[in-house]
PDB file of N, CA and C in Angstrom:
ATOM      1  N   MET A   1       1.025  -1.256  -0.133  1.00  0.00           N
ATOM      2  CA  MET A   1      -0.026  -0.231   0.084  1.00  0.00           C
ATOM      3  C   MET A   1       1.056   1.097   0.126  1.00  0.00           C
ATOM      4  N   ALA A   2       0.384   2.440  -0.509  1.00  0.00           N
ATOM      5  CA  ALA A   2       1.513   3.327  -0.708  1.00  0.00           C
ATOM      6  C   ALA A   2       1.101   4.313   0.064  1.00  0.00           C
ATOM      7  N   ARG A   3       2.574   4.748   0.928  1.00  0.00           N
ATOM      8  CA  ARG A   3       2.027   5.747   1.897  1.00  0.00           C
ATOM      9  C   ARG A   3       1.461   6.949   1.441  1.00  0.00           C
ATOM     10  N   THR A   4       0.658   7.484   2.931  1.00  0.00           N
ATOM     11  CA  THR A   4      -0.223   8.687   2.990  1.00  0.00           C
ATOM     12  C   THR A   4       0.416   9.682   2.809  1.00  0.00           C
ATOM     13  N   ARG A   5       0.158  10.660   1.907  1.00  0.00           N
ATOM     14  CA  ARG A   5       0.348  11.993   1.676  1.00  0.00           C
ATOM     15  C   ARG A   5      -0.230  12.870   1.755  1.00  0.00           C
ATOM     16  N   LEU A   6      -0.159  14.153   2.386  1.00  0.00           N
ATOM     17  CA  LEU A   6      -1.487  14.924   2.271  1.00  0.00           C
ATOM     18  C   LEU A   6      -1.335  15.926   0.947  1.00  0.00           C
ATOM     19  N   PRO A   7      -2.699  16.370   0.495  1.00  0.00           N
ATOM     20  CA  PRO A   7      -2.014  17.575  -0.308  1.00  0.00           C
ATOM     21  C   PRO A   7      -1.767  18.389  -0.056  1.00  0.00           C
ATOM     22  N   ARG A   8      -1.188  19.279  -1.108  1.00  0.00           N
ATOM     23  CA  ARG A   8      -0.385  20.484  -0.698  1.00  0.00           C
ATOM     24  C   ARG A   8      -1.651  21.686  -1.576  1.00  0.00           C
ATOM     25  N   ASP A   9      -1.230  23.099  -0.902  1.00  0.00           N
ATOM     26  CA  ASP A   9      -1.759  24.340  -1.536  1.00  0.00           C
ATOM     27  C   ASP A   9      -0.704  24.609  -2.317  1.00  0.00           C
ATOM     28  N   ASP A  10      -0.987  26.161  -3.271  1.00  0.00           N
ATOM     29  CA  ASP A  10      -0.318  26.302  -3.789  1.00  0.00           C
ATOM     30  C   ASP A  10       1.205  27.322  -3.299  1.00  0.00           C
ATOM     31  N   ASN A  11       0.886  27.520  -2.063  1.00  0.00           N
ATOM     32  CA  ASN A  11       2.454  27.393  -1.533  1.00  0.00           C
ATOM     33  C   ASN A  11       3.361  26.358  -1.066  1.00  0.00           C
ATOM     34  N   ASN A  12       2.883  25.296  -1.299  1.00  0.00           N
ATOM     35  CA  ASN A  12       3.148  23.980  -1.116  1.00  0.00           C
ATOM     36  C   ASN A  12       3.080  23.474   0.605  1.00  0.00           C
ATOM     37  N   HIS A  13       2.259  24.023   1.149  1.00  0.00           N
ATOM     38  CA  HIS A  13       2.223  23.714   2.300  1.00  0.00           C
ATOM     39  C   HIS A  13       1.233  22.559   2.648  1.00  0.00           C
ATOM     40  N   ALA A  14       1.345  21.274   3.302  1.00  0.00           N
ATOM     41  CA  ALA A  14       0.382  20.415   3.383  1.00  0.00           C
ATOM     42  C   ALA A  14      -1.016  20.947   4.006  1.00  0.00           C
ATOM     43  N   ILE A  15      -2.187  20.369   3.329  1.00  0.00           N
ATOM     44  CA  ILE A  15      -3.093  20.119   3.601  1.00  0.00           C
ATOM     45  C   ILE A  15      -3.666  19.105   4.512  1.00  0.00           C
ATOM     46  N   PRO A  16      -3.963  19.402   6.144  1.00  0.00           N
ATOM     47  CA  PRO A  16      -4.290  18.395   6.673  1.00  0.00           C
ATOM     48  C   PRO A  16      -5.765  17.773   6.777  1.00  0.00           C
ATOM     49  N   VAL A  17      -5.907  17.061   5.608  1.00  0.00           N
ATOM     50  CA  VAL A  17      -6.828  16.247   5.117  1.00  0.00           C
ATOM     51  C   VAL A  17      -6.474  15.263   4.108  1.00  0.00           C
ATOM     52  N   LEU A  18      -7.326  13.826   4.295  1.00  0.00           N
ATOM     53  CA  LEU A  18      -7.205  12.618   3.766  1.00  0.00           C
ATOM     54  C   LEU A  18      -8.400  12.325   3.097  1.00  0.00           C
ATOM     55  N   ARG A  19      -8.545  11.700   1.631  1.00  0.00           N
ATOM     56  CA  ARG A  19      -9.471  11.479   0.909  1.00  0.00           C
ATOM     57  C   ARG A  19     -10.064  10.265   1.280  1.00  0.00           C
ATOM     58  N   PHE A  20     -11.385  10.083   1.165  1.00  0.00           N
ATOM     59  CA  PHE A  20     -11.926   8.762   1.780  1.00  0.00           C
ATOM     60  C   PHE A  20     -11.507   7.642   0.546  1.00  0.00           C
ATOM     61  N   ARG A  21     -11.358   6.493   1.044  1.00  0.00           N
ATOM     62  CA  ARG A  21     -10.772   5.187   0.150  1.00  0.00           C
ATOM     63  C   ARG A  21     -12.055   4.927  -0.230  1.00  0.00           C
ATOM     64  N   THR A  22     -12.256   4.585  -1.622  1.00  0.00           N
ATOM     65  CA  THR A  22     -13.329   4.036  -2.271  1.00  0.00           C
ATOM     66  C   THR A  22     -13.549   2.241  -1.778  1.00  0.00           C
ATOM     67  N   GLY A  23     -14.987   2.603  -1.765  1.00  0.00           N
ATOM     68  CA  GLY A  23     -15.508   1.209  -1.227  1.00  0.00           C
ATOM     69  C   GLY A  23     -14.856   0.463   0.192  1.00  0.00           C
ATOM     70  N   SER A  24     -14.477   1.725   0.964  1.00  0.00           N
ATOM     71  CA  SER A  24     -14.293   1.346   2.079  1.00  0.00           C
ATOM     72  C   SER A  24     -14.836   2.002   3.116  1.00  0.00           C
ATOM     73  N   ALA A  25     -16.052   2.041   3.116  1.00  0.00           N
ATOM     74  CA  ALA A  25     -17.130   2.216   4.298  1.00  0.00           C
ATOM     75  C   ALA A  25     -17.682   1.378   5.142  1.00  0.00           C
ATOM     76  N   GLN A  26     -18.078   1.342   6.048  1.00  0.00           N
ATOM     77  CA  GLN A  26     -18.961   0.424   6.953  1.00  0.00           C
ATOM     78  C   GLN A  26     -19.807   1.057   7.948  1.00  0.00           C
ATOM     79  N   GLN A  27     -20.976   0.307   7.590  1.00  0.00           N
ATOM     80  CA  GLN A  27     -22.303   0.688   8.486  1.00  0.00           C
ATOM     81  C   GLN A  27     -22.457  -0.413   9.823  1.00  0.00           C
ATOM     82  N   PHE A  28     -22.410  -0.193  11.109  1.00  0.00           N
ATOM     83  CA  PHE A  28     -23.295  -1.374  11.849  1.00  0.00           C
ATOM     84  C   PHE A  28     -24.096  -0.949  12.826  1.00  0.00           C
ATOM     85  N   ALA A  29     -25.432  -1.665  13.281  1.00  0.00           N
ATOM     86  CA  ALA A  29     -25.972  -1.523  14.241  1.00  0.00           C
ATOM     87  C   ALA A  29     -25.682  -1.612  15.738  1.00  0.00           C
ATOM     88  N   THR A  30     -25.686  -0.327  16.451  1.00  0.00           N
ATOM     89  CA  THR A  30     -24.904  -0.745  18.067  1.00  0.00           C
ATOM     90  C   THR A  30     -26.250  -0.708  18.975  1.00  0.00           C
ATOM     91  N   ASN A  31     -26.145  -1.022  20.105  1.00  0.00           N
ATOM     92  CA  ASN A  31     -26.778  -0.670  21.109  1.00  0.00           C
ATOM     93  C   ASN A  31     -26.577  -0.873  22.527  1.00  0.00           C
ATOM     94  N   ALA A  32     -26.957  -0.586  23.629  1.00  0.00           N
ATOM     95  CA  ALA A  32     -26.655  -0.559  24.883  1.00  0.00           C
ATOM     96  C   ALA A  32     -26.391  -1.807  25.676  1.00  0.00           C
ATOM     97  N   SER A  33     -26.847  -2.516  25.157  1.00  0.00           N
ATOM     98  CA  SER A  33     -26.504  -3.965  25.721  1.00  0.00           C
ATOM     99  C   SER A  33     -25.585  -4.757  25.551  1.00  0.00           C
ATOM    100  N   ASN A  34     -24.785  -4.372  24.675  1.00  0.00           N
ATOM    101  CA  ASN A  34     -23.623  -5.097  24.290  1.00  0.00           C
ATOM    102  C   ASN A  34     -22.616  -4.456  23.633  1.00  0.00           C
ATOM    103  N   SER A  35     -21.387  -4.682  23.554  1.00  0.00           N
ATOM    104  CA  SER A  35     -20.348  -3.845  22.561  1.00  0.00           C
ATOM    105  C   SER A  35     -20.272  -4.636  21.306  1.00  0.00           C
ATOM    106  N   VAL A  36     -20.601  -4.131  20.031  1.00  0.00           N
ATOM    107  CA  VAL A  36     -20.475  -4.560  18.908  1.00  0.00           C
ATOM    108  C   VAL A  36     -19.605  -3.760  18.444  1.00  0.00           C
ATOM    109  N   VAL A  37     -18.358  -4.540  17.327  1.00  0.00           N
ATOM    110  CA  VAL A  37     -17.624  -4.346  16.980  1.00  0.00           C
ATOM    111  C   VAL A  37     -17.429  -4.683  15.351  1.00  0.00           C
ATOM    112  N   SER A  38     -16.718  -3.871  14.776  1.00  0.00           N
ATOM    113  CA  SER A  38     -16.687  -3.429  12.987  1.00  0.00           C
ATOM    114  C   SER A  38     -16.356  -4.676  12.558  1.00  0.00           C
ATOM    115  N   SER A  39     -16.385  -4.718  11.347  1.00  0.00           N
ATOM    116  CA  SER A  39     -15.514  -5.724  10.468  1.00  0.00           C
ATOM    117  C   SER A  39     -14.302  -5.196  10.417  1.00  0.00           C
ATOM    118  N   ALA A  40     -13.211  -6.132   9.699  1.00  0.00           N
ATOM    119  CA  ALA A  40     -11.886  -5.262   9.617  1.00  0.00           C
ATOM    120  C   ALA A  40     -11.265  -4.254   8.852  1.00  0.00           C
ATOM    121  N   ILE A  41     -10.672  -3.128   9.477  1.00  0.00           N
ATOM    122  CA  ILE A  41     -10.487  -2.051   8.636  1.00  0.00           C
ATOM    123  C   ILE A  41      -8.990  -2.741   7.595  1.00  0.00           C
ATOM    124  N   ALA A  42      -9.295  -2.304   6.181  1.00  0.00           N
ATOM    125  CA  ALA A  42      -8.176  -2.842   5.287  1.00  0.00           C
ATOM    126  C   ALA A  42      -7.127  -2.622   6.480  1.00  0.00           C
ATOM    127  N   GLU A  43      -5.657  -3.668   6.032  1.00  0.00           N
ATOM    128  CA  GLU A  43      -4.507  -3.396   6.359  1.00  0.00           C
ATOM    129  C   GLU A  43      -4.206  -2.427   5.662  1.00  0.00           C
ATOM    130  N   GLY A  44      -3.180  -1.553   6.608  1.00  0.00           N
ATOM    131  CA  GLY A  44      -2.516  -0.622   6.057  1.00  0.00           C
ATOM    132  C   GLY A  44      -3.092   0.722   6.321  1.00  0.00           C
ATOM    133  N   THR A  45      -4.467   0.916   6.549  1.00  0.00           N
ATOM    134  CA  THR A  45      -5.232   1.936   6.890  1.00  0.00           C
ATOM    135  C   THR A  45      -4.541   2.435   7.945  1.00  0.00           C
ATOM    136  N   ARG A  46      -4.450   3.702   7.855  1.00  0.00           N
ATOM    137  CA  ARG A  46      -3.694   4.646   8.909  1.00  0.00           C
ATOM    138  C   ARG A  46      -4.691   5.622   9.929  1.00  0.00           C
ATOM    139  N   VAL A  47      -5.791   5.974   9.049  1.00  0.00           N
ATOM    140  CA  VAL A  47      -6.572   7.243   9.628  1.00  0.00           C
ATOM    141  C   VAL A  47      -8.327   6.765   9.197  1.00  0.00           C
ATOM    142  N   VAL A  48      -9.214   6.670   9.943  1.00  0.00           N
ATOM    143  CA  VAL A  48     -10.602   6.766   9.824  1.00  0.00           C
ATOM    144  C   VAL A  48     -11.639   7.721  10.677  1.00  0.00           C
ATOM    145  N   THR A  49     -12.535   7.728   9.661  1.00  0.00           N
ATOM    146  CA  THR A  49     -13.353   8.532  10.428  1.00  0.00           C
ATOM    147  C   THR A  49     -14.705   8.017  11.039  1.00  0.00           C
ATOM    148  N   LEU A  50     -14.793   8.353  12.344  1.00  0.00           N
ATOM    149  CA  LEU A  50     -15.886   7.228  12.926  1.00  0.00           C
ATOM    150  C   LEU A  50     -17.007   8.278  13.442  1.00  0.00           C
ATOM    151  N   LEU A  51     -18.387   8.158  13.079  1.00  0.00           N
ATOM    152  CA  LEU A  51     -19.479   8.912  13.256  1.00  0.00           C
ATOM    153  C   LEU A  51     -20.702   8.076  13.734  1.00  0.00           C
ATOM    154  N   CYS A  52     -21.252   8.285  14.550  1.00  0.00           N
ATOM    155  CA  CYS A  52     -22.746   7.134  15.555  1.00  0.00           C
ATOM    156  C   CYS A  52     -23.657   8.073  15.678  1.00  0.00           C
ATOM    157  N   SER A  53     -24.633   7.211  15.403  1.00  0.00           N
ATOM    158  CA  SER A  53     -25.765   8.053  15.510  1.00  0.00           C
ATOM    159  C   SER A  53     -26.859   8.641  16.773  1.00  0.00           C
ATOM    160  N   VAL A  54     -26.003   7.917  17.787  1.00  0.00           N
ATOM    161  CA  VAL A  54     -26.497   8.162  19.293  1.00  0.00           C
ATOM    162  C   VAL A  54     -25.157   8.552  19.757  1.00  0.00           C
ATOM    163  N   ASN A  55     -25.263   8.990  21.017  1.00  0.00           N
ATOM    164  CA  ASN A  55     -23.980   9.156  21.847  1.00  0.00           C
ATOM    165  C   ASN A  55     -23.490   7.953  22.028  1.00  0.00           C
ATOM    166  N   SER A  56     -22.063   7.687  22.013  1.00  0.00           N
ATOM    167  CA  SER A  56     -21.674   6.526  22.278  1.00  0.00           C
ATOM    168  C   SER A  56     -20.443   6.462  22.983  1.00  0.00           C
ATOM    169  N   TYR A  57     -19.598   5.228  23.134  1.00  0.00           N
ATOM    170  CA  TYR A  57     -18.024   5.070  23.520  1.00  0.00           C
ATOM    171  C   TYR A  57     -17.667   4.408  22.548  1.00  0.00           C
ATOM    172  N   PHE A  58     -16.179   4.141  22.419  1.00  0.00           N
ATOM    173  CA  PHE A  58     -15.738   3.556  21.640  1.00  0.00           C
ATOM    174  C   PHE A  58     -14.052   3.187  21.896  1.00  0.00           C
ATOM    175  N   GLU A  59     -13.512   1.919  21.366  1.00  0.00           N
ATOM    176  CA  GLU A  59     -12.515   1.746  21.360  1.00  0.00           C
ATOM    177  C   GLU A  59     -12.057   1.429  20.037  1.00  0.00           C
ATOM    178  N   THR A  60     -10.565   1.015  20.312  1.00  0.00           N
ATOM    179  CA  THR A  60     -10.035   0.655  18.955  1.00  0.00           C
ATOM    180  C   THR A  60      -8.732  -0.561  19.328  1.00  0.00           C
ATOM    181  N   GLY A  61      -8.636  -1.709  18.433  1.00  0.00           N
ATOM    182  CA  GLY A  61      -8.053  -2.678  18.683  1.00  0.00           C
ATOM    183  C   GLY A  61      -7.738  -3.753  17.945  1.00  0.00           C
ATOM    184  N   GLY A  62      -7.725  -5.072  18.430  1.00  0.00           N
ATOM    185  CA  GLY A  62      -7.535  -6.194  17.872  1.00  0.00           C
ATOM    186  C   GLY A  62      -9.368  -6.714  17.623  1.00  0.00           C
ATOM    187  N   GLU A  63      -8.966  -8.040  16.936  1.00  0.00           N
ATOM    188  CA  GLU A  63     -10.588  -8.635  16.654  1.00  0.00           C
ATOM    189  C   GLU A  63     -11.614  -8.399  18.267  1.00  0.00           C
ATOM    190  N   ALA A  64     -10.485  -8.435  19.089  1.00  0.00           N
ATOM    191  CA  ALA A  64     -11.234  -9.134  20.041  1.00  0.00           C
ATOM    192  C   ALA A  64     -11.647  -7.575  21.405  1.00  0.00           C
ATOM    193  N   VAL A  65     -11.491  -6.610  20.395  1.00  0.00           N
ATOM    194  CA  VAL A  65     -11.267  -5.425  21.557  1.00  0.00           C
ATOM    195  C   VAL A  65     -13.173  -5.158  21.733  1.00  0.00           C
ATOM    196  N   THR A  66     -13.220  -4.600  22.831  1.00  0.00           N
ATOM    197  CA  THR A  66     -14.954  -4.057  23.370  1.00  0.00           C
ATOM    198  C   THR A  66     -14.895  -2.814  23.796  1.00  0.00           C
ATOM    199  N   ALA A  67     -15.936  -2.402  24.082  1.00  0.00           N
ATOM    200  CA  ALA A  67     -16.218  -0.751  24.432  1.00  0.00           C
ATOM    201  C   ALA A  67     -17.509  -0.890  25.517  1.00  0.00           C
ATOM    202  N   SER A  68     -17.125   0.032  26.519  1.00  0.00           N
ATOM    203  CA  SER A  68     -17.893   0.014  27.525  1.00  0.00           C
ATOM    204  C   SER A  68     -18.058   1.378  27.959  1.00  0.00           C
ATOM    205  N   ALA A  69     -19.491   1.690  29.329  1.00  0.00           N
ATOM    206  CA  ALA A  69     -19.208   3.138  29.679  1.00  0.00           C
ATOM    207  C   ALA A  69     -18.236   3.598  29.835  1.00  0.00           C
ATOM    208  N   ASN A  70     -16.742   3.178  30.286  1.00  0.00           N
ATOM    209  CA  ASN A  70     -15.255   3.355  30.544  1.00  0.00           C
ATOM    210  C   ASN A  70     -14.916   3.981  29.400  1.00  0.00           C
ATOM    211  N   SER A  71     -15.046   3.487  28.354  1.00  0.00           N
ATOM    212  CA  SER A  71     -14.357   3.976  26.799  1.00  0.00           C
ATOM    213  C   SER A  71     -14.473   5.434  26.477  1.00  0.00           C
ATOM    214  N   HIS A  72     -14.114   5.843  25.291  1.00  0.00           N
ATOM    215  CA  HIS A  72     -13.815   6.896  24.897  1.00  0.00           C
ATOM    216  C   HIS A  72     -15.371   7.311  24.287  1.00  0.00           C
ATOM    217  N   PHE A  73     -15.621   8.665  24.747  1.00  0.00           N
ATOM    218  CA  PHE A  73     -17.474   8.939  24.376  1.00  0.00           C
ATOM    219  C   PHE A  73     -17.109   9.898  22.831  1.00  0.00           C
ATOM    220  N   ILE A  74     -18.265   9.458  22.113  1.00  0.00           N
ATOM    221  CA  ILE A  74     -18.099  10.021  21.059  1.00  0.00           C
ATOM    222  C   ILE A  74     -20.025  10.462  20.809  1.00  0.00           C
ATOM    223  N   PRO A  75     -19.871  12.146  20.835  1.00  0.00           N
ATOM    224  CA  PRO A  75     -21.297  12.327  20.964  1.00  0.00           C
ATOM    225  C   PRO A  75     -21.802  12.072  19.530  1.00  0.00           C
ATOM    226  N   ALA A  76     -23.215  12.024  19.794  1.00  0.00           N
ATOM    227  CA  ALA A  76     -24.000  11.509  18.252  1.00  0.00           C
ATOM    228  C   ALA A  76     -23.930  12.617  17.269  1.00  0.00           C
ATOM    229  N   GLY A  77     -23.614  12.331  15.921  1.00  0.00           N
ATOM    230  CA  GLY A  77     -23.822  12.794  14.779  1.00  0.00           C
ATOM    231  C   GLY A  77     -22.414  13.615  14.629  1.00  0.00           C
ATOM    232  N   LEU A  78     -20.989  13.456  15.498  1.00  0.00           N
ATOM    233  CA  LEU A  78     -19.973  14.499  15.362  1.00  0.00           C
ATOM    234  C   LEU A  78     -19.004  13.018  14.702  1.00  0.00           C
ATOM    235  N   PRO A  79     -18.269  13.628  13.676  1.00  0.00           N
ATOM    236  CA  PRO A  79     -17.349  13.058  12.566  1.00  0.00           C
ATOM    237  C   PRO A  79     -15.991  13.078  13.586  1.00  0.00           C
ATOM    238  N   TYR A  80     -15.380  11.735  14.048  1.00  0.00           N
ATOM    239  CA  TYR A  80     -14.210  11.870  14.680  1.00  0.00           C
ATOM    240  C   TYR A  80     -12.976  10.911  13.925  1.00  0.00           C
ATOM    241  N   ASP A  81     -12.333  11.630  13.293  1.00  0.00           N
ATOM    242  CA  ASP A  81     -11.097  11.303  12.355  1.00  0.00           C
ATOM    243  C   ASP A  81     -10.064  10.934  13.889  1.00  0.00           C
ATOM    244  N   MET A  82      -9.465   9.394  13.451  1.00  0.00           N
ATOM    245  CA  MET A  82      -8.292   9.218  14.353  1.00  0.00           C
ATOM    246  C   MET A  82      -7.486   8.292  13.769  1.00  0.00           C
ATOM    247  N   ALA A  83      -6.142   8.230  14.273  1.00  0.00           N
ATOM    248  CA  ALA A  83      -4.937   7.495  13.911  1.00  0.00           C
ATOM    249  C   ALA A  83      -5.528   5.994  14.474  1.00  0.00           C
ATOM    250  N   LEU A  84      -4.999   5.132  13.546  1.00  0.00           N
ATOM    251  CA  LEU A  84      -5.096   3.703  14.306  1.00  0.00           C
ATOM    252  C   LEU A  84      -3.901   3.383  14.619  1.00  0.00           C
ATOM    253  N   GLY A  85      -2.760   3.869  15.003  1.00  0.00           N
ATOM    254  CA  GLY A  85      -1.396   3.262  15.483  1.00  0.00           C
ATOM    255  C   GLY A  85      -0.428   4.640  15.701  1.00  0.00           C
ATOM    256  N   ALA A  86       0.393   4.575  16.186  1.00  0.00           N
ATOM    257  CA  ALA A  86       1.258   5.511  17.228  1.00  0.00           C
ATOM    258  C   ALA A  86       2.095   6.503  16.223  1.00  0.00           C
ATOM    259  N   ASP A  87       2.712   5.656  15.112  1.00  0.00           N
ATOM    260  CA  ASP A  87       3.821   5.830  14.643  1.00  0.00           C
ATOM    261  C   ASP A  87       3.122   5.861  12.827  1.00  0.00           C
ATOM    262  N   LEU A  88       3.138   6.730  12.115  1.00  0.00           N
ATOM    263  CA  LEU A  88       2.611   7.143  10.898  1.00  0.00           C
ATOM    264  C   LEU A  88       3.064   6.520   9.735  1.00  0.00           C
ATOM    265  N   SER A  89       4.791   6.145  10.356  1.00  0.00           N
ATOM    266  CA  SER A  89       5.773   6.085   9.270  1.00  0.00           C
ATOM    267  C   SER A  89       5.403   4.609   8.972  1.00  0.00           C
ATOM    268  N   ASP A  90       4.617   3.640   9.816  1.00  0.00           N
ATOM    269  CA  ASP A  90       4.757   2.152   9.340  1.00  0.00           C
ATOM    270  C   ASP A  90       3.492   1.762   9.952  1.00  0.00           C
ATOM    271  N   THR A  91       2.982   0.632   9.707  1.00  0.00           N
ATOM    272  CA  THR A  91       1.652   0.163   9.843  1.00  0.00           C
ATOM    273  C   THR A  91       1.823  -1.154  11.190  1.00  0.00           C
ATOM    274  N   ASP A  92       2.718  -1.494  11.019  1.00  0.00           N
ATOM    275  CA  ASP A  92       3.376  -2.472  11.941  1.00  0.00           C
ATOM    276  C   ASP A  92       1.959  -2.506  13.328  1.00  0.00           C
ATOM    277  N   GLY A  93       1.394  -3.366  13.840  1.00  0.00           N
ATOM    278  CA  GLY A  93       0.772  -2.692  15.528  1.00  0.00           C
ATOM    279  C   GLY A  93      -0.488  -2.215  15.466  1.00  0.00           C
ATOM    280  N   TYR A  94      -0.993  -1.511  14.168  1.00  0.00           N
ATOM    281  CA  TYR A  94      -1.924  -0.847  14.108  1.00  0.00           C
ATOM    282  C   TYR A  94      -3.275  -1.635  14.387  1.00  0.00           C
ATOM    283  N   HIS A  95      -4.245  -0.734  14.846  1.00  0.00           N
ATOM    284  CA  HIS A  95      -5.307  -1.428  15.082  1.00  0.00           C
ATOM    285  C   HIS A  95      -6.259  -1.466  14.132  1.00  0.00           C
ATOM    286  N   ARG A  96      -7.492  -2.716  14.001  1.00  0.00           N
ATOM    287  CA  ARG A  96      -7.557  -2.800  12.751  1.00  0.00           C
ATOM    288  C   ARG A  96      -9.465  -3.074  12.884  1.00  0.00           C
ATOM    289  N   TYR A  97      -9.860  -2.914  14.079  1.00  0.00           N
ATOM    290  CA  TYR A  97     -11.308  -2.883  14.546  1.00  0.00           C
ATOM    291  C   TYR A  97     -11.701  -1.888  15.444  1.00  0.00           C
ATOM    292  N   VAL A  98     -13.111  -1.349  15.325  1.00  0.00           N
ATOM    293  CA  VAL A  98     -13.613  -0.671  16.318  1.00  0.00           C
ATOM    294  C   VAL A  98     -14.680  -0.832  17.109  1.00  0.00           C
ATOM    295  N   ALA A  99     -14.895  -0.871  18.292  1.00  0.00           N
ATOM    296  CA  ALA A  99     -15.816  -1.726  19.094  1.00  0.00           C
ATOM    297  C   ALA A  99     -16.774  -0.265  19.255  1.00  0.00           C
ATOM    298  N   VAL A 100     -18.082  -0.522  19.362  1.00  0.00           N
ATOM    299  CA  VAL A 100     -18.983   0.486  19.885  1.00  0.00           C
ATOM    300  C   VAL A 100     -19.872   0.492  20.583  1.00  0.00           C
ATOM    301  N   PHE A 101     -20.243   0.928  22.017  1.00  0.00           N
ATOM    302  CA  PHE A 101     -21.243   0.820  23.111  1.00  0.00           C
ATOM    303  C   PHE A 101     -22.069   1.948  23.050  1.00  0.00           C
ATOM    304  N   THR A 102     -23.279   1.737  22.813  1.00  0.00           N
ATOM    305  CA  THR A 102     -24.348   3.428  23.033  1.00  0.00           C
ATOM    306  C   THR A 102     -24.567   3.416  24.241  1.00  0.00           C
ATOM    307  N   ALA A 103     -24.596   4.816  24.241  1.00  0.00           N
ATOM    308  CA  ALA A 103     -24.513   5.282  25.903  1.00  0.00           C
ATOM    309  C   ALA A 103     -26.181   5.230  26.205  1.00  0.00           C
ATOM    310  N   GLY A 104     -27.076   4.714  25.556  1.00  0.00           N
ATOM    311  CA  GLY A 104     -28.392   4.359  25.527  1.00  0.00           C
ATOM    312  C   GLY A 104     -29.119   4.131  24.210  1.00  0.00           C
ATOM    313  N   GLY A 105     -30.085   3.400  24.327  1.00  0.00           N
ATOM    314  CA  GLY A 105     -30.986   3.252  22.931  1.00  0.00           C
ATOM    315  C   GLY A 105     -29.891   2.221  22.263  1.00  0.00           C
ATOM    316  N   SER A 106     -30.334   2.395  20.443  1.00  0.00           N
ATOM    317  CA  SER A 106     -30.022   1.513  19.609  1.00  0.00           C
ATOM    318  C   SER A 106     -29.206   2.700  18.387  1.00  0.00           C
ATOM    319  N   GLY A 107     -28.646   2.608  17.630  1.00  0.00           N
ATOM    320  CA  GLY A 107     -27.881   3.428  16.745  1.00  0.00           C
ATOM    321  C   GLY A 107     -27.338   2.819  15.579  1.00  0.00           C
ATOM    322  N   ILE A 108     -26.413   3.788  14.690  1.00  0.00           N
ATOM    323  CA  ILE A 108     -25.919   3.228  13.753  1.00  0.00           C
ATOM    324  C   ILE A 108     -24.670   3.909  13.687  1.00  0.00           C
ATOM    325  N   ALA A 109     -23.186   2.922  13.887  1.00  0.00           N
ATOM    326  CA  ALA A 109     -21.795   3.318  13.508  1.00  0.00           C
ATOM    327  C   ALA A 109     -21.456   3.554  12.139  1.00  0.00           C
ATOM    328  N   TYR A 110     -20.759   3.979  12.132  1.00  0.00           N
ATOM    329  CA  TYR A 110     -20.151   4.211  10.476  1.00  0.00           C
ATOM    330  C   TYR A 110     -18.922   4.699  10.695  1.00  0.00           C
ATOM    331  N   ILE A 111     -18.043   3.793   9.700  1.00  0.00           N
ATOM    332  CA  ILE A 111     -16.686   3.900   9.604  1.00  0.00           C
ATOM    333  C   ILE A 111     -16.404   4.492   8.009  1.00  0.00           C
ATOM    334  N   SER A 112     -15.407   5.614   7.837  1.00  0.00           N
ATOM    335  CA  SER A 112     -15.211   5.305   6.439  1.00  0.00           C
ATOM    336  C   SER A 112     -13.395   5.448   6.523  1.00  0.00           C
ATOM    337  N   GLU A 113     -12.882   4.554   6.154  1.00  0.00           N
ATOM    338  CA  GLU A 113     -11.415   4.592   5.810  1.00  0.00           C
ATOM    339  C   GLU A 113     -10.531   5.967   5.403  1.00  0.00           C
ATOM    340  N   ARG A 114      -9.770   6.315   5.638  1.00  0.00           N
ATOM    341  CA  ARG A 114      -8.845   7.364   4.806  1.00  0.00           C
ATOM    342  C   ARG A 114      -7.399   6.953   3.851  1.00  0.00           C
ATOM    343  N   GLU A 115      -7.495   7.852   3.007  1.00  0.00           N
ATOM    344  CA  GLU A 115      -6.023   7.174   2.364  1.00  0.00           C
ATOM    345  C   GLU A 115      -5.260   8.756   1.893  1.00  0.00           C
TER     346      GLU A 115
END
């Protein structure tokens, strides 16, 4: 997979935005009864955008990752861009799953991979 590069403006300064990867969007039902885990995020993906239709909690990690009321909070309707690893120069050890647990009721979580 190619390295992620930021687009540049007319003064050759990097613009901090990445395009959405074609065909790499997920949506899944979430609820307050249990943590729901996404499908695997494509290997090599460094950044994703998460949006939840209801107030929710989330965690990133391996296939067994879970989210709870003690996890990171994301308000309903707020798109949140996040890196999936600590070092953007390589993708070893990157998280490939997102777990979501709603703060109440049921909803939909949307994940868009960036490149």
